[in-house]
Amino acid sequence: MSASTFITGRWFDGQCGMARPVEVSLHNGALRFGDRATPLDQVQWPERMRHGQRQILLRGAGVISFPDAAAFDAWADSVGQLPGLVARWQLSWHLALMSLALLTVLLAAGWRWGLPWASDRLVERVPLSAEQPIGEQAMALIDRQMVRPTQLSEAEQQAWRQRFERMLTTARAAGMRDLPEHWQLHFRRTTPALGPNAFALPGEQMCVTDELLEMLKGEPDAVLTILAHEAGHVRHRHGLRMGLRAGVTAAVTALWLGDYSSLLNGLPIALLTKGYSRDYEREADAFARELASRGGVDPARIAVFFERIREKYGGAESPLAIAFSSHPADSERIAFFKAEGPAAPKN
């Protein structure tokens, strides 16, 4: 037998602690060592590393150890036991760097496009009955930590709800579809840090603050257009989509088990301090302009809102969710709302 066809190793049979020197070779589809043979399908070849010994694992027959890794690798190559693709990549720093770069690109692409796509597909499968508890619990959390009870009378609150419902009814009559059906409009007073505010939560929950209504006193169309904007977030389920994008795994677990704490921990704060993405805001603006126009409300009056925000905060960033830096520029949005939209009879 030529030196290239066999190699010397130490066989541990698993019965005693003493190793036995053996000559190892391949012949007729079997690994031969000493006076024994094991079929190749019962042999586990070692993974090639830069350092350390090599060990062949034998099913039910122990281990054969080869202290000289380089000699074993050369013998394995000579008998046709070449390393696999993954092992070759691990042993090449060029390929390892290429793999790292490829993995980085794939992770970035998954984060930029894959995760939003997956979360949006998941949202499509979540029924409103599962989304409503999330919004209710989020509103309860906001009540405990971020806002105070409204100072509006019941009559004033009801008047705003009737105005909002009248806008929806008129828009439906004008042919607009997919409007919120089970919406809830809340009124709260904010802390000084939050200032005037309006926001939407999952489950068709919307909230407007006393401070916003006071700032837009005498401008009901501006208020209703803002509420239409929040209805756009409700219609497109932006709150749930943002929560799912923040953690798809945690969100799936929450929806499966009915424990929404993982979603609730960050969602209200994110909505009130970071706002939605610009894409979400443009989508909500488009919905708001159509709803206001079809609902007998003048969407161009929202310009008053932006003017008063600038008067109140100057060049500083507003704490108002609808006017955050993530939103499109004020001038762009004012021009959008002033553009012609579907018309409907005035209320």
Protein backbone atom coordinates (compact mmCIF):
# COMPACT_ATOMS: atom_id res chain seq x y z
CA MET A 1 0.00 0.00 0.00
CA SER A 2 1.54 3.36 -1.04
CA ALA A 3 2.15 6.12 1.49
CA SER A 4 -0.42 8.32 -0.25
CA THR A 5 -3.25 5.86 0.33
CA PHE A 6 -2.99 5.39 4.07
CA ILE A 7 -2.26 7.40 7.17
CA THR A 8 -1.47 6.47 10.74
CA GLY A 9 -3.86 7.47 13.48
CA ARG A 10 -4.84 6.61 17.05
CA TRP A 11 -8.06 4.69 17.54
CA PHE A 12 -10.11 5.16 20.73
CA ASP A 13 -12.69 2.38 20.68
CA GLY A 14 -14.81 3.85 23.49
CA GLN A 15 -14.32 0.75 25.63
CA CYS A 16 -11.02 1.64 27.27
CA GLY A 17 -8.96 4.78 27.70
CA MET A 18 -5.90 3.49 25.83
CA ALA A 19 -5.43 4.53 22.21
CA ARG A 20 -4.41 1.92 19.62
CA PRO A 21 -2.18 2.89 16.65
CA VAL A 22 -3.88 2.00 13.36
CA GLU A 23 -3.29 2.47 9.66
CA VAL A 24 -6.29 4.14 8.05
CA SER A 25 -7.27 3.86 4.39
CA LEU A 26 -10.28 3.95 2.07
CA HIS A 27 -11.26 0.86 0.11
CA ASN A 28 -14.47 -0.22 -1.62
CA GLY A 29 -16.66 2.43 0.01
CA ALA A 30 -15.45 1.75 3.54
CA LEU A 31 -12.99 3.29 5.97
CA ARG A 32 -10.48 0.61 7.00
CA PHE A 33 -8.47 0.91 10.23
CA GLY A 34 -6.41 -1.94 11.61
CA ASP A 35 -8.38 -5.14 11.01
CA ARG A 36 -11.76 -3.39 10.96
CA ALA A 37 -13.87 -1.51 8.40
CA THR A 38 -16.77 0.98 8.70
CA PRO A 39 -19.08 1.99 5.80
CA LEU A 40 -18.56 5.62 4.77
CA ASP A 41 -22.18 6.50 5.56
CA GLN A 42 -21.32 5.79 9.21
CA VAL A 43 -18.23 8.00 9.18
CA GLN A 44 -18.29 11.68 10.18
CA TRP A 45 -15.32 13.50 8.69
CA PRO A 46 -13.72 16.31 10.72
CA GLU A 47 -14.22 19.97 9.88
CA ARG A 48 -10.98 21.49 8.72
CA MET A 49 -9.68 24.24 10.95
CA ARG A 50 -6.39 26.10 10.82
CA HIS A 51 -5.19 24.64 14.11
CA GLY A 52 -5.72 21.53 16.24
CA GLN A 53 -5.90 17.84 15.49
CA ARG A 54 -8.38 16.00 13.28
CA GLN A 55 -10.82 13.38 14.53
CA ILE A 56 -12.92 10.94 12.51
CA LEU A 57 -16.08 9.93 14.36
CA LEU A 58 -17.20 6.33 13.80
CA ARG A 59 -20.80 5.45 14.53
CA GLY A 60 -20.70 2.88 17.32
CA ALA A 61 -16.95 2.33 16.94
CA GLY A 62 -15.31 5.29 18.71
CA VAL A 63 -12.93 7.93 17.36
CA ILE A 64 -9.75 7.95 15.29
CA SER A 65 -7.47 10.86 16.15
CA PHE A 66 -4.79 12.39 13.89
CA PRO A 67 -2.43 14.77 15.73
CA ASP A 68 -0.82 16.04 12.51
CA ALA A 69 -3.63 18.07 10.93
CA ALA A 70 -1.64 19.01 7.83
CA ALA A 71 -0.75 15.38 7.10
CA PHE A 72 -4.39 14.33 7.56
CA ASP A 73 -5.65 17.07 5.21
CA ALA A 74 -3.16 16.03 2.55
CA TRP A 75 -4.18 12.38 2.90
CA ALA A 76 -7.91 13.25 2.79
CA ASP A 77 -7.35 15.26 -0.40
CA SER A 78 -5.45 12.36 -1.97
CA VAL A 79 -8.29 9.90 -1.34
CA GLY A 80 -10.98 12.29 -2.60
CA GLN A 81 -12.37 13.56 0.73
CA LEU A 82 -12.21 17.24 -0.16
CA PRO A 83 -13.60 19.90 2.20
CA GLY A 84 -17.07 21.24 1.48
CA LEU A 85 -17.89 24.70 0.18
CA VAL A 86 -18.47 26.17 3.65
CA ALA A 87 -15.19 24.76 4.95
CA ARG A 88 -13.28 26.17 1.97
CA TRP A 89 -14.84 29.59 2.55
CA GLN A 90 -13.91 29.45 6.24
CA LEU A 91 -10.30 28.69 5.39
CA SER A 92 -9.99 31.59 2.93
CA TRP A 93 -9.87 35.09 4.38
CA HIS A 94 -10.73 36.49 0.95
CA LEU A 95 -13.92 34.43 0.81
CA ALA A 96 -14.63 35.12 4.48
CA LEU A 97 -14.49 38.88 3.86
CA MET A 98 -16.67 38.44 0.79
CA SER A 99 -19.18 36.49 2.87
CA LEU A 100 -19.20 39.20 5.53
CA ALA A 101 -19.80 41.89 2.92
CA LEU A 102 -22.57 39.86 1.31
CA LEU A 103 -24.19 39.19 4.68
CA THR A 104 -24.06 42.90 5.53
CA VAL A 105 -25.74 43.80 2.24
CA LEU A 106 -28.43 41.15 2.76
CA LEU A 107 -29.11 42.33 6.31
CA ALA A 108 -29.32 45.95 5.18
CA ALA A 109 -31.67 45.02 2.33
CA GLY A 110 -33.79 42.95 4.69
CA TRP A 111 -34.00 45.84 7.15
CA ARG A 112 -34.79 48.40 4.43
CA TRP A 113 -37.22 46.42 2.30
CA GLY A 114 -37.77 42.92 3.67
CA LEU A 115 -38.89 43.83 7.18
CA PRO A 116 -41.42 46.48 6.05
CA TRP A 117 -42.78 44.08 3.44
CA ALA A 118 -43.11 41.24 5.96
CA SER A 119 -44.73 43.45 8.60
CA ASP A 120 -47.23 44.87 6.08
CA ARG A 121 -48.17 41.37 4.94
CA LEU A 122 -48.65 40.41 8.59
CA VAL A 123 -50.88 43.43 9.21
CA GLU A 124 -53.14 42.29 6.38
CA ARG A 125 -53.79 39.08 8.31
CA VAL A 126 -54.49 40.75 11.66
CA PRO A 127 -58.25 41.21 12.19
CA LEU A 128 -59.55 44.42 13.74
CA SER A 129 -60.71 42.41 16.75
CA ALA A 130 -57.05 41.65 17.52
CA GLU A 131 -55.95 45.24 16.88
CA GLN A 132 -58.55 46.92 19.10
CA PRO A 133 -57.14 45.66 22.44
CA ILE A 134 -53.72 47.02 21.44
CA GLY A 135 -55.16 50.50 20.89
CA GLU A 136 -57.23 50.37 24.08
CA GLN A 137 -54.27 49.34 26.19
CA ALA A 138 -52.02 51.91 24.51
CA MET A 139 -54.59 54.64 25.26
CA ALA A 140 -54.75 53.50 28.88
CA LEU A 141 -50.95 53.68 29.10
CA ILE A 142 -50.95 57.18 27.61
CA ASP A 143 -53.63 58.21 30.13
CA ARG A 144 -51.48 57.02 33.03
CA GLN A 145 -48.18 58.49 31.89
CA MET A 146 -48.57 61.31 29.38
CA VAL A 147 -51.90 63.16 29.49
CA ARG A 148 -54.52 64.47 31.88
CA PRO A 149 -58.34 64.51 31.78
CA THR A 150 -59.88 66.97 29.34
CA GLN A 151 -61.46 70.20 30.52
CA LEU A 152 -63.98 70.16 27.68
CA SER A 153 -67.58 69.65 28.69
CA GLU A 154 -69.47 66.58 27.54
CA ALA A 155 -71.48 68.81 25.21
CA GLU A 156 -68.31 70.19 23.58
CA GLN A 157 -66.85 66.72 23.14
CA GLN A 158 -70.07 65.44 21.63
CA ALA A 159 -70.21 68.40 19.26
CA TRP A 160 -66.78 67.56 17.86
CA ARG A 161 -67.69 63.88 17.49
CA GLN A 162 -70.83 64.89 15.60
CA ARG A 163 -68.81 67.15 13.29
CA PHE A 164 -66.40 64.32 12.60
CA GLU A 165 -69.21 61.81 11.98
CA ARG A 166 -70.95 64.30 9.69
CA MET A 167 -67.76 64.62 7.64
CA LEU A 168 -67.53 60.81 7.33
CA THR A 169 -71.21 60.51 6.39
CA THR A 170 -70.95 63.21 3.72
CA ALA A 171 -67.79 61.60 2.29
CA ARG A 172 -69.52 58.22 2.09
CA ALA A 173 -72.44 59.80 0.26
CA ALA A 174 -69.92 61.36 -2.15
CA GLY A 175 -68.55 57.92 -2.99
CA MET A 176 -65.58 57.57 -0.64
CA ARG A 177 -65.06 54.07 0.70
CA ASP A 178 -62.94 52.36 3.35
CA LEU A 179 -63.66 54.91 6.06
CA PRO A 180 -63.29 54.09 9.77
CA GLU A 181 -66.42 52.36 11.07
CA HIS A 182 -65.70 51.78 14.77
CA TRP A 183 -63.64 54.87 15.52
CA GLN A 184 -63.31 56.35 18.98
CA LEU A 185 -62.40 60.01 19.42
CA HIS A 186 -60.88 60.91 22.78
CA PHE A 187 -60.15 64.32 24.26
CA ARG A 188 -57.30 64.93 26.68
CA ARG A 189 -55.25 67.74 28.17
CA THR A 190 -51.50 67.40 27.67
CA THR A 191 -48.50 68.16 29.80
CA PRO A 192 -46.44 71.28 28.90
CA ALA A 193 -43.71 69.07 27.43
CA LEU A 194 -46.07 67.64 24.81
CA GLY A 195 -47.96 70.80 23.95
CA PRO A 196 -50.92 70.71 21.55
CA ASN A 197 -51.29 67.27 20.02
CA ALA A 198 -53.35 64.88 17.95
CA PHE A 199 -52.55 61.24 17.34
CA ALA A 200 -53.97 57.92 16.21
CA LEU A 201 -53.50 54.50 17.76
CA PRO A 202 -54.21 50.97 16.51
CA GLY A 203 -57.81 49.79 16.67
CA GLU A 204 -59.34 53.03 15.28
CA GLN A 205 -58.44 55.04 18.38
CA MET A 206 -57.87 58.78 17.89
CA CYS A 207 -57.14 61.54 20.36
CA VAL A 208 -57.12 65.34 20.15
CA THR A 209 -56.03 67.62 22.95
CA ASP A 210 -57.59 70.68 24.54
CA GLU A 211 -54.48 72.67 23.65
CA LEU A 212 -54.83 71.92 19.94
CA LEU A 213 -58.50 72.87 19.94
CA GLU A 214 -57.64 76.09 21.77
CA MET A 215 -54.86 76.91 19.30
CA LEU A 216 -57.26 76.40 16.37
CA LYS A 217 -60.23 78.09 17.99
CA GLY A 218 -62.53 79.44 15.31
CA GLU A 219 -61.05 77.13 12.65
CA PRO A 220 -63.23 74.00 12.68
CA ASP A 221 -62.17 73.01 9.15
CA ALA A 222 -58.51 73.00 10.18
CA VAL A 223 -59.35 70.77 13.17
CA LEU A 224 -61.45 68.43 11.06
CA THR A 225 -58.68 68.16 8.44
CA ILE A 226 -56.25 67.21 11.19
CA LEU A 227 -58.73 64.61 12.42
CA ALA A 228 -59.06 63.40 8.82
CA HIS A 229 -55.27 63.05 8.76
CA GLU A 230 -55.41 60.92 11.91
CA ALA A 231 -58.23 58.92 10.31
CA GLY A 232 -55.79 58.28 7.47
CA HIS A 233 -53.38 56.71 9.94
CA VAL A 234 -56.29 54.63 11.22
CA ARG A 235 -57.40 53.61 7.73
CA HIS A 236 -53.90 52.50 6.69
CA ARG A 237 -53.19 50.94 10.11
CA HIS A 238 -49.95 52.89 10.45
CA GLY A 239 -49.78 52.44 14.23
CA LEU A 240 -49.88 48.65 14.01
CA ARG A 241 -47.53 48.62 11.03
CA MET A 242 -45.00 50.75 12.90
CA GLY A 243 -45.27 48.51 15.95
CA LEU A 244 -44.72 45.39 13.86
CA ARG A 245 -41.76 46.90 12.06
CA ALA A 246 -40.20 47.71 15.42
CA GLY A 247 -40.15 44.03 16.28
CA VAL A 248 -41.79 41.46 14.04
CA THR A 249 -40.93 38.53 16.31
CA ALA A 250 -42.21 40.23 19.45
CA ALA A 251 -45.32 41.39 17.61
CA VAL A 252 -46.15 37.91 16.31
CA THR A 253 -45.78 36.53 19.82
CA ALA A 254 -48.00 39.30 21.19
CA LEU A 255 -50.73 38.67 18.65
CA TRP A 256 -50.52 34.91 19.14
CA LEU A 257 -50.59 34.96 22.94
CA GLY A 258 -52.76 38.03 23.42
CA ASP A 259 -50.04 39.69 25.53
CA TYR A 260 -49.46 43.10 23.96
CA SER A 261 -46.97 44.44 26.51
CA SER A 262 -44.04 44.08 24.09
CA LEU A 263 -45.84 46.32 21.58
CA LEU A 264 -47.15 48.77 24.16
CA ASN A 265 -43.83 49.47 25.84
CA GLY A 266 -42.55 51.69 23.05
CA LEU A 267 -45.47 52.41 20.71
CA PRO A 268 -47.16 55.34 22.52
CA ILE A 269 -43.87 57.10 23.20
CA ALA A 270 -42.77 56.59 19.60
CA LEU A 271 -46.02 58.04 18.28
CA LEU A 272 -45.84 61.10 20.50
CA THR A 273 -42.12 61.81 20.30
CA LYS A 274 -40.98 60.51 16.90
CA GLY A 275 -44.11 60.34 14.79
CA TYR A 276 -44.65 58.29 11.68
CA SER A 277 -42.33 58.09 8.69
CA ARG A 278 -42.70 60.60 5.88
CA ASP A 279 -44.19 57.92 3.64
CA TYR A 280 -46.87 57.25 6.24
CA GLU A 281 -47.52 60.98 6.66
CA ARG A 282 -47.92 61.54 2.92
CA GLU A 283 -50.31 58.59 2.78
CA ALA A 284 -52.32 60.07 5.67
CA ASP A 285 -52.26 63.53 4.03
CA ALA A 286 -53.66 62.12 0.79
CA PHE A 287 -56.44 60.40 2.72
CA ALA A 288 -57.14 63.57 4.72
CA ARG A 289 -57.44 65.79 1.67
CA GLU A 290 -59.88 63.43 -0.01
CA LEU A 291 -61.91 62.88 3.17
CA ALA A 292 -62.11 66.61 3.94
CA SER A 293 -62.98 67.55 0.37
CA ARG A 294 -65.61 64.87 -0.02
CA GLY A 295 -66.84 65.51 3.51
CA GLY A 296 -67.71 69.17 2.93
CA VAL A 297 -64.64 70.54 4.74
CA ASP A 298 -62.07 72.91 3.28
CA PRO A 299 -58.69 71.14 3.60
CA ALA A 300 -56.81 74.33 2.68
CA ARG A 301 -57.65 75.73 6.13
CA ILE A 302 -54.94 73.46 7.57
CA ALA A 303 -52.57 76.24 6.47
CA VAL A 304 -53.77 78.13 9.56
CA PHE A 305 -52.52 75.28 11.69
CA PHE A 306 -48.99 75.49 10.25
CA GLU A 307 -48.99 79.28 10.60
CA ARG A 308 -49.95 79.09 14.28
CA ILE A 309 -47.42 76.36 14.91
CA ARG A 310 -44.70 78.63 13.52
CA GLU A 311 -45.98 81.52 15.64
CA LYS A 312 -45.98 79.35 18.76
CA TYR A 313 -42.65 77.56 18.34
CA GLY A 314 -40.72 79.74 15.90
CA GLY A 315 -37.72 77.83 14.54
CA ALA A 316 -37.79 75.24 17.33
CA GLU A 317 -39.10 71.76 16.64
CA SER A 318 -42.73 71.39 17.60
CA PRO A 319 -43.76 68.63 20.01
CA LEU A 320 -46.94 68.11 17.96
CA ALA A 321 -47.09 64.66 16.40
CA ILE A 322 -48.55 65.90 13.13
CA ALA A 323 -45.84 68.57 12.74
CA PHE A 324 -42.66 66.68 13.54
CA SER A 325 -39.48 66.90 11.51
CA SER A 326 -40.27 63.49 10.03
CA HIS A 327 -43.22 65.05 8.20
CA PRO A 328 -42.87 66.63 4.77
CA ALA A 329 -42.01 70.33 4.81
CA ASP A 330 -44.82 72.69 5.78
CA SER A 331 -44.79 74.52 2.43
CA GLU A 332 -45.04 71.25 0.53
CA ARG A 333 -47.94 70.09 2.65
CA ILE A 334 -49.80 73.41 2.49
CA ALA A 335 -49.55 73.35 -1.32
CA PHE A 336 -50.81 69.77 -1.31
CA PHE A 337 -53.87 70.57 0.81
CA LYS A 338 -54.65 73.65 -1.27
CA ALA A 339 -54.60 71.65 -4.51
CA GLU A 340 -57.90 70.63 -6.03
CA GLY A 341 -59.43 67.51 -4.56
CA PRO A 342 -62.75 65.68 -4.94
CA ALA A 343 -65.54 68.15 -4.17
CA ALA A 344 -68.69 67.55 -2.15
CA PRO A 345 -71.59 69.77 -0.99
CA LYS A 346 -70.88 71.81 2.11
CA ASN A 347 -72.35 70.63 5.40
